């Protein structure tokens, strides 16, 4: 069996090297992006059952529906792509489970909000998120 794996690795060394490089890049990129993404969550995102109305950071007014729908479509396409890449990474080198989780967070699916709130309500998770936010100079998340 080891000989067959060695022969496979020899025949596909270029592809395996590219996959390993992409995996390392995605892992490091995820670690670097995590504090920024956590700091970008509005403080009251987990309060109440309704999703907050998207507002412009510049003007404070609600965003145009075309912008909102374009962003939702793009976010869902990116989330679906991450889910597919994560499934592939389950058998290829990479952080498959983390990539799938990132894809699920991006997609709009039934029950997602309830799942997000259940995860964030755990004291260990909330403390970790708020510690990241504190380091970035952002107020703590509120959870009802």
N, C-alpha and C. Protein backbone atom coordinates (compact mmCIF):
# COMPACT_ATOMS: atom_id res chain seq x y z
N UNK A 1 0.83 -1.18 0.00
CA UNK A 1 0.00 0.00 0.00
C UNK A 1 0.88 1.26 0.00
N UNK A 2 1.95 1.28 0.82
CA UNK A 2 2.82 2.44 0.87
C UNK A 2 3.53 2.67 -0.45
N UNK A 3 3.83 1.59 -1.13
CA UNK A 3 4.48 1.73 -2.43
C UNK A 3 3.54 2.37 -3.44
N UNK A 4 2.27 1.98 -3.38
CA UNK A 4 1.28 2.57 -4.28
C UNK A 4 1.09 4.05 -3.98
N UNK A 5 1.05 4.42 -2.69
CA UNK A 5 0.94 5.83 -2.33
C UNK A 5 2.16 6.62 -2.78
N UNK A 6 3.35 6.04 -2.62
CA UNK A 6 4.57 6.70 -3.07
C UNK A 6 4.58 6.90 -4.57
N UNK A 7 4.13 5.89 -5.31
CA UNK A 7 4.07 6.01 -6.76
C UNK A 7 3.06 7.08 -7.17
N UNK A 8 1.92 7.12 -6.49
CA UNK A 8 0.90 8.14 -6.77
C UNK A 8 1.47 9.53 -6.52
N UNK A 9 2.17 9.69 -5.40
CA UNK A 9 2.77 11.00 -5.06
C UNK A 9 3.82 11.39 -6.09
N UNK A 10 4.61 10.44 -6.56
CA UNK A 10 5.62 10.74 -7.58
C UNK A 10 4.97 11.19 -8.89
N UNK A 11 3.88 10.52 -9.29
CA UNK A 11 3.21 10.85 -10.54
C UNK A 11 2.48 12.19 -10.46
N UNK A 12 2.01 12.56 -9.28
CA UNK A 12 1.18 13.76 -9.12
C UNK A 12 1.82 14.80 -8.22
N UNK A 13 3.13 14.88 -8.22
CA UNK A 13 3.81 15.78 -7.29
C UNK A 13 3.46 17.24 -7.52
N UNK A 14 3.29 17.64 -8.78
CA UNK A 14 2.96 19.04 -9.07
C UNK A 14 1.58 19.39 -8.53
N UNK A 15 0.61 18.56 -8.79
CA UNK A 15 -0.75 18.81 -8.33
C UNK A 15 -0.80 18.82 -6.80
N UNK A 16 -0.12 17.87 -6.17
CA UNK A 16 -0.10 17.80 -4.72
C UNK A 16 0.60 19.02 -4.12
N UNK A 17 1.64 19.51 -4.76
CA UNK A 17 2.33 20.71 -4.28
C UNK A 17 1.43 21.93 -4.38
N UNK A 18 0.72 22.06 -5.48
CA UNK A 18 -0.21 23.18 -5.64
C UNK A 18 -1.32 23.10 -4.60
N UNK A 19 -1.87 21.91 -4.39
CA UNK A 19 -2.93 21.73 -3.39
C UNK A 19 -2.42 22.05 -1.99
N UNK A 20 -1.22 21.64 -1.66
CA UNK A 20 -0.65 21.92 -0.35
C UNK A 20 -0.40 23.42 -0.18
N UNK A 21 0.09 24.07 -1.22
CA UNK A 21 0.31 25.52 -1.17
C UNK A 21 -0.99 26.28 -0.99
N UNK A 22 -2.02 25.88 -1.73
CA UNK A 22 -3.32 26.52 -1.59
C UNK A 22 -3.87 26.30 -0.18
N UNK A 23 -3.71 25.10 0.33
CA UNK A 23 -4.18 24.79 1.68
C UNK A 23 -3.49 25.66 2.71
N UNK A 24 -2.18 25.80 2.62
CA UNK A 24 -1.43 26.63 3.55
C UNK A 24 -1.85 28.09 3.43
N UNK A 25 -2.01 28.57 2.21
CA UNK A 25 -2.44 29.95 1.98
C UNK A 25 -3.83 30.19 2.57
N UNK A 26 -4.76 29.26 2.36
CA UNK A 26 -6.11 29.40 2.90
C UNK A 26 -6.11 29.38 4.42
N UNK A 27 -5.28 28.54 5.02
CA UNK A 27 -5.20 28.45 6.47
C UNK A 27 -4.67 29.75 7.06
N UNK A 28 -3.56 30.25 6.54
CA UNK A 28 -2.96 31.48 7.05
C UNK A 28 -3.89 32.67 6.77
N UNK A 29 -4.46 32.71 5.59
CA UNK A 29 -5.40 33.79 5.26
C UNK A 29 -6.59 33.80 6.20
N UNK A 30 -7.11 32.62 6.52
CA UNK A 30 -8.22 32.53 7.46
C UNK A 30 -7.85 33.02 8.84
N UNK A 31 -6.66 32.66 9.30
CA UNK A 31 -6.20 33.13 10.61
C UNK A 31 -6.03 34.64 10.64
N UNK A 32 -5.54 35.21 9.56
CA UNK A 32 -5.35 36.66 9.50
C UNK A 32 -6.67 37.41 9.35
N UNK A 33 -7.62 36.83 8.64
CA UNK A 33 -8.90 37.50 8.39
C UNK A 33 -9.86 37.39 9.57
N UNK A 34 -9.71 36.38 10.41
CA UNK A 34 -10.66 36.14 11.49
C UNK A 34 -10.86 37.34 12.40
N UNK A 35 -9.82 37.98 12.94
CA UNK A 35 -10.05 39.13 13.82
C UNK A 35 -10.78 40.27 13.12
N UNK A 36 -10.44 40.52 11.88
CA UNK A 36 -11.10 41.59 11.12
C UNK A 36 -12.58 41.27 10.92
N UNK A 37 -12.89 40.01 10.55
CA UNK A 37 -14.28 39.62 10.32
C UNK A 37 -15.09 39.67 11.61
N UNK A 38 -14.53 39.22 12.72
CA UNK A 38 -15.24 39.25 14.00
C UNK A 38 -15.50 40.69 14.42
N UNK A 39 -14.54 41.59 14.19
CA UNK A 39 -14.72 43.00 14.54
C UNK A 39 -15.77 43.67 13.67
N UNK A 40 -16.02 43.14 12.48
CA UNK A 40 -16.99 43.74 11.56
C UNK A 40 -18.44 43.39 11.91
N UNK A 41 -18.65 42.42 12.81
CA UNK A 41 -20.01 42.04 13.19
C UNK A 41 -20.61 43.17 14.02
N UNK A 42 -21.80 43.66 13.67
CA UNK A 42 -22.43 44.70 14.50
C UNK A 42 -22.68 44.18 15.92
N UNK A 43 -22.57 45.08 16.91
CA UNK A 43 -22.71 44.69 18.31
C UNK A 43 -24.05 44.02 18.60
N UNK A 44 -25.11 44.47 17.93
CA UNK A 44 -26.46 43.95 18.20
C UNK A 44 -26.90 42.87 17.21
N UNK A 45 -25.97 42.28 16.47
CA UNK A 45 -26.32 41.30 15.45
C UNK A 45 -27.07 40.11 16.02
N UNK A 46 -26.74 39.69 17.24
CA UNK A 46 -27.35 38.49 17.83
C UNK A 46 -28.50 38.83 18.77
N UNK A 47 -28.99 40.07 18.75
CA UNK A 47 -30.12 40.48 19.58
C UNK A 47 -31.37 40.44 18.72
N UNK A 48 -32.40 39.76 19.20
CA UNK A 48 -33.67 39.68 18.48
C UNK A 48 -33.65 38.62 17.40
N UNK A 49 -34.83 38.38 16.84
CA UNK A 49 -34.98 37.34 15.84
C UNK A 49 -34.81 37.84 14.42
N UNK A 50 -34.87 39.14 14.22
CA UNK A 50 -34.80 39.68 12.87
C UNK A 50 -33.38 40.03 12.48
N UNK A 51 -33.10 39.87 11.23
CA UNK A 51 -31.81 40.27 10.67
C UNK A 51 -31.78 41.80 10.60
N UNK A 52 -30.66 42.44 10.99
CA UNK A 52 -30.58 43.89 10.90
C UNK A 52 -30.70 44.38 9.46
N UNK A 53 -31.31 45.55 9.28
CA UNK A 53 -31.44 46.15 7.95
C UNK A 53 -30.06 46.65 7.53
N UNK A 54 -29.58 46.25 6.34
CA UNK A 54 -28.26 46.71 5.90
C UNK A 54 -28.27 48.22 5.64
N UNK A 55 -27.34 48.92 6.28
CA UNK A 55 -27.25 50.37 6.10
C UNK A 55 -25.87 50.72 5.57
N UNK A 56 -25.80 51.84 4.89
CA UNK A 56 -24.54 52.33 4.35
C UNK A 56 -23.69 52.86 5.50
N UNK A 57 -22.43 52.48 5.54
CA UNK A 57 -21.54 52.99 6.58
C UNK A 57 -21.27 54.48 6.39
N UNK A 58 -21.29 54.92 5.15
CA UNK A 58 -20.98 56.31 4.85
C UNK A 58 -22.13 57.24 5.19
N UNK A 59 -23.36 56.89 4.77
CA UNK A 59 -24.50 57.78 4.97
C UNK A 59 -25.41 57.38 6.12
N UNK A 60 -25.36 56.11 6.53
CA UNK A 60 -26.25 55.65 7.61
C UNK A 60 -27.66 55.31 7.14
N UNK A 61 -27.94 55.48 5.85
CA UNK A 61 -29.27 55.18 5.31
C UNK A 61 -29.32 53.74 4.83
N UNK A 62 -30.54 53.15 4.76
CA UNK A 62 -30.66 51.78 4.23
C UNK A 62 -30.11 51.71 2.81
N UNK A 63 -29.47 50.59 2.52
CA UNK A 63 -28.89 50.39 1.18
C UNK A 63 -29.99 50.13 0.16
N UNK A 64 -29.68 50.43 -1.09
CA UNK A 64 -30.62 50.20 -2.19
C UNK A 64 -30.87 48.70 -2.33
N UNK A 65 -32.12 48.29 -2.61
CA UNK A 65 -32.41 46.85 -2.72
C UNK A 65 -31.56 46.12 -3.76
N UNK A 66 -31.20 46.78 -4.84
CA UNK A 66 -30.35 46.12 -5.85
C UNK A 66 -28.97 45.80 -5.28
N UNK A 67 -28.45 46.69 -4.45
CA UNK A 67 -27.15 46.45 -3.82
C UNK A 67 -27.27 45.30 -2.83
N UNK A 68 -28.35 45.31 -2.04
CA UNK A 68 -28.55 44.26 -1.04
C UNK A 68 -28.66 42.90 -1.71
N UNK A 69 -29.48 42.80 -2.78
CA UNK A 69 -29.66 41.51 -3.46
C UNK A 69 -28.39 41.06 -4.18
N UNK A 70 -27.67 42.00 -4.77
CA UNK A 70 -26.40 41.64 -5.43
C UNK A 70 -25.41 41.09 -4.41
N UNK A 71 -25.35 41.73 -3.25
CA UNK A 71 -24.44 41.26 -2.20
C UNK A 71 -24.87 39.88 -1.69
N UNK A 72 -26.17 39.66 -1.53
CA UNK A 72 -26.65 38.36 -1.05
C UNK A 72 -26.35 37.26 -2.06
N UNK A 73 -26.54 37.54 -3.33
CA UNK A 73 -26.25 36.54 -4.36
C UNK A 73 -24.76 36.23 -4.37
N UNK A 74 -23.92 37.28 -4.35
CA UNK A 74 -22.48 37.07 -4.34
C UNK A 74 -22.02 36.30 -3.11
N UNK A 75 -22.62 36.63 -1.96
CA UNK A 75 -22.27 35.95 -0.71
C UNK A 75 -22.64 34.48 -0.76
N UNK A 76 -23.81 34.17 -1.32
CA UNK A 76 -24.25 32.78 -1.42
C UNK A 76 -23.40 31.99 -2.42
N UNK A 77 -23.01 32.62 -3.51
CA UNK A 77 -22.14 31.94 -4.48
C UNK A 77 -20.78 31.65 -3.84
N UNK A 78 -20.24 32.64 -3.12
CA UNK A 78 -18.95 32.43 -2.43
C UNK A 78 -19.08 31.35 -1.37
N UNK A 79 -20.19 31.35 -0.62
CA UNK A 79 -20.41 30.32 0.39
C UNK A 79 -20.53 28.94 -0.21
N UNK A 80 -21.26 28.82 -1.31
CA UNK A 80 -21.37 27.53 -1.98
C UNK A 80 -20.04 27.04 -2.50
N UNK A 81 -19.24 27.97 -3.03
CA UNK A 81 -17.90 27.61 -3.51
C UNK A 81 -17.03 27.10 -2.37
N UNK A 82 -17.11 27.78 -1.21
CA UNK A 82 -16.33 27.34 -0.05
C UNK A 82 -16.80 25.98 0.45
N UNK A 83 -18.10 25.73 0.42
CA UNK A 83 -18.61 24.42 0.85
C UNK A 83 -18.07 23.33 -0.06
N UNK A 84 -18.13 23.56 -1.38
CA UNK A 84 -17.60 22.57 -2.33
C UNK A 84 -16.10 22.37 -2.15
N UNK A 85 -15.37 23.47 -1.96
CA UNK A 85 -13.92 23.35 -1.74
C UNK A 85 -13.64 22.61 -0.44
N UNK A 86 -14.43 22.87 0.58
CA UNK A 86 -14.25 22.18 1.86
C UNK A 86 -14.51 20.69 1.76
N UNK A 87 -15.53 20.32 0.99
CA UNK A 87 -15.81 18.89 0.78
C UNK A 87 -14.63 18.25 0.06
N UNK A 88 -14.08 18.95 -0.93
CA UNK A 88 -12.91 18.41 -1.62
C UNK A 88 -11.72 18.30 -0.68
N UNK A 89 -11.58 19.26 0.24
CA UNK A 89 -10.46 19.24 1.17
C UNK A 89 -10.59 18.16 2.24
N UNK A 90 -11.75 17.54 2.33
CA UNK A 90 -11.88 16.43 3.26
C UNK A 90 -11.02 15.25 2.83
N UNK A 91 -10.80 15.13 1.51
CA UNK A 91 -9.96 14.04 1.01
C UNK A 91 -8.63 14.57 0.47
N UNK A 92 -8.53 15.86 0.22
CA UNK A 92 -7.29 16.50 -0.23
C UNK A 92 -6.66 17.21 0.95
N UNK A 93 -5.42 17.65 0.83
CA UNK A 93 -4.83 18.42 1.93
C UNK A 93 -5.57 19.74 2.12
N UNK A 94 -5.85 20.08 3.35
CA UNK A 94 -6.50 21.35 3.64
C UNK A 94 -7.39 21.28 4.86
N UNK A 95 -7.92 22.42 5.22
CA UNK A 95 -8.80 22.56 6.38
C UNK A 95 -10.25 22.40 5.91
N UNK A 96 -10.66 21.18 5.60
CA UNK A 96 -11.97 20.93 5.03
C UNK A 96 -13.11 21.36 5.91
N UNK A 97 -13.09 20.98 7.18
CA UNK A 97 -14.21 21.28 8.08
C UNK A 97 -14.32 22.78 8.30
N UNK A 98 -13.18 23.47 8.50
CA UNK A 98 -13.23 24.92 8.68
C UNK A 98 -13.73 25.62 7.43
N UNK A 99 -13.34 25.13 6.27
CA UNK A 99 -13.78 25.74 5.02
C UNK A 99 -15.28 25.53 4.82
N UNK A 100 -15.78 24.36 5.16
CA UNK A 100 -17.22 24.10 5.08
C UNK A 100 -17.97 25.02 6.04
N UNK A 101 -17.45 25.18 7.27
CA UNK A 101 -18.09 26.05 8.25
C UNK A 101 -18.12 27.49 7.75
N UNK A 102 -17.03 27.96 7.16
CA UNK A 102 -17.00 29.32 6.61
C UNK A 102 -18.03 29.46 5.49
N UNK A 103 -18.19 28.44 4.67
CA UNK A 103 -19.18 28.48 3.60
C UNK A 103 -20.60 28.52 4.13
N UNK A 104 -20.86 27.75 5.18
CA UNK A 104 -22.20 27.75 5.78
C UNK A 104 -22.52 29.10 6.37
N UNK A 105 -21.53 29.74 7.01
CA UNK A 105 -21.75 31.06 7.60
C UNK A 105 -22.11 32.08 6.51
N UNK A 106 -21.51 31.96 5.34
CA UNK A 106 -21.79 32.92 4.26
C UNK A 106 -23.14 32.70 3.60
N UNK A 107 -23.63 31.48 3.57
CA UNK A 107 -24.86 31.20 2.84
C UNK A 107 -26.10 31.58 3.66
N UNK A 108 -27.18 31.85 2.95
CA UNK A 108 -28.48 32.08 3.58
C UNK A 108 -29.27 30.79 3.49
N UNK A 109 -29.45 30.13 4.63
CA UNK A 109 -30.20 28.88 4.64
C UNK A 109 -31.15 28.87 5.83
N UNK A 110 -32.23 28.10 5.73
CA UNK A 110 -33.20 28.06 6.84
C UNK A 110 -32.53 27.55 8.12
N UNK A 111 -32.81 28.21 9.23
CA UNK A 111 -32.30 27.80 10.52
C UNK A 111 -30.90 28.30 10.82
N UNK A 112 -30.28 29.01 9.88
CA UNK A 112 -28.90 29.46 10.08
C UNK A 112 -28.80 30.45 11.24
N UNK A 113 -29.73 31.38 11.32
CA UNK A 113 -29.69 32.40 12.38
C UNK A 113 -29.82 31.76 13.76
N UNK A 114 -30.71 30.80 13.88
CA UNK A 114 -30.89 30.11 15.15
C UNK A 114 -29.61 29.35 15.53
N UNK A 115 -28.97 28.71 14.55
CA UNK A 115 -27.72 27.99 14.80
C UNK A 115 -26.61 28.96 15.21
N UNK A 116 -26.49 30.09 14.52
CA UNK A 116 -25.47 31.09 14.87
C UNK A 116 -25.66 31.55 16.32
N UNK A 117 -26.89 31.87 16.67
CA UNK A 117 -27.16 32.37 18.03
C UNK A 117 -26.88 31.30 19.07
N UNK A 118 -27.21 30.04 18.77
CA UNK A 118 -26.95 28.96 19.72
C UNK A 118 -25.45 28.79 19.95
N UNK A 119 -24.66 28.95 18.90
CA UNK A 119 -23.21 28.82 19.03
C UNK A 119 -22.63 30.00 19.82
N UNK A 120 -23.08 31.22 19.49
CA UNK A 120 -22.53 32.41 20.14
C UNK A 120 -22.96 32.51 21.60
N UNK A 121 -24.08 31.93 21.96
CA UNK A 121 -24.53 31.97 23.35
C UNK A 121 -23.65 31.15 24.29
N UNK A 122 -22.87 30.25 23.76
CA UNK A 122 -21.94 29.48 24.61
C UNK A 122 -20.91 30.44 25.18
N UNK A 123 -20.72 30.38 26.49
CA UNK A 123 -19.87 31.37 27.16
C UNK A 123 -18.44 31.36 26.63
N UNK A 124 -17.89 30.20 26.35
CA UNK A 124 -16.52 30.11 25.86
C UNK A 124 -16.39 30.80 24.49
N UNK A 125 -17.36 30.57 23.62
CA UNK A 125 -17.34 31.17 22.27
C UNK A 125 -17.50 32.68 22.38
N UNK A 126 -18.47 33.13 23.20
CA UNK A 126 -18.72 34.57 23.33
C UNK A 126 -17.51 35.28 23.93
N UNK A 127 -16.86 34.67 24.93
CA UNK A 127 -15.66 35.29 25.51
C UNK A 127 -14.55 35.39 24.48
N UNK A 128 -14.36 34.35 23.66
CA UNK A 128 -13.30 34.38 22.64
C UNK A 128 -13.59 35.45 21.59
N UNK A 129 -14.84 35.53 21.14
CA UNK A 129 -15.20 36.55 20.15
C UNK A 129 -15.01 37.95 20.70
N UNK A 130 -15.46 38.17 21.94
CA UNK A 130 -15.33 39.50 22.53
C UNK A 130 -13.87 39.85 22.82
N UNK A 131 -13.02 38.86 23.11
CA UNK A 131 -11.59 39.13 23.29
C UNK A 131 -10.97 39.60 21.97
N UNK A 132 -11.35 38.97 20.85
CA UNK A 132 -10.87 39.41 19.54
C UNK A 132 -11.36 40.83 19.25
N UNK A 133 -12.61 41.11 19.58
CA UNK A 133 -13.17 42.44 19.33
C UNK A 133 -12.47 43.49 20.20
N UNK A 134 -12.18 43.15 21.46
CA UNK A 134 -11.52 44.08 22.37
C UNK A 134 -10.13 44.45 21.83
N UNK A 135 -9.41 43.47 21.30
CA UNK A 135 -8.08 43.74 20.72
C UNK A 135 -8.15 44.68 19.53
N UNK A 136 -9.27 44.64 18.81
CA UNK A 136 -9.46 45.53 17.65
C UNK A 136 -10.09 46.87 18.04
N UNK A 137 -10.39 47.06 19.34
CA UNK A 137 -10.96 48.31 19.81
C UNK A 137 -12.45 48.46 19.52
N UNK A 138 -13.15 47.33 19.44
CA UNK A 138 -14.58 47.33 19.13
C UNK A 138 -15.34 46.84 20.35
N UNK A 139 -16.55 47.36 20.57
CA UNK A 139 -17.36 46.97 21.72
C UNK A 139 -17.77 45.50 21.66
N UNK A 140 -18.15 44.93 22.82
CA UNK A 140 -18.51 43.52 22.87
C UNK A 140 -19.84 43.22 22.17
N UNK A 141 -20.00 41.97 21.75
CA UNK A 141 -21.25 41.52 21.15
C UNK A 141 -22.30 41.39 22.25
N UNK A 142 -23.54 41.76 21.93
CA UNK A 142 -24.64 41.56 22.86
C UNK A 142 -25.48 40.40 22.36
N UNK A 143 -25.88 39.55 23.30
CA UNK A 143 -26.68 38.37 22.97
C UNK A 143 -27.87 38.36 23.90
N UNK A 144 -29.08 38.12 23.36
CA UNK A 144 -30.25 38.04 24.25
C UNK A 144 -30.53 36.61 24.63
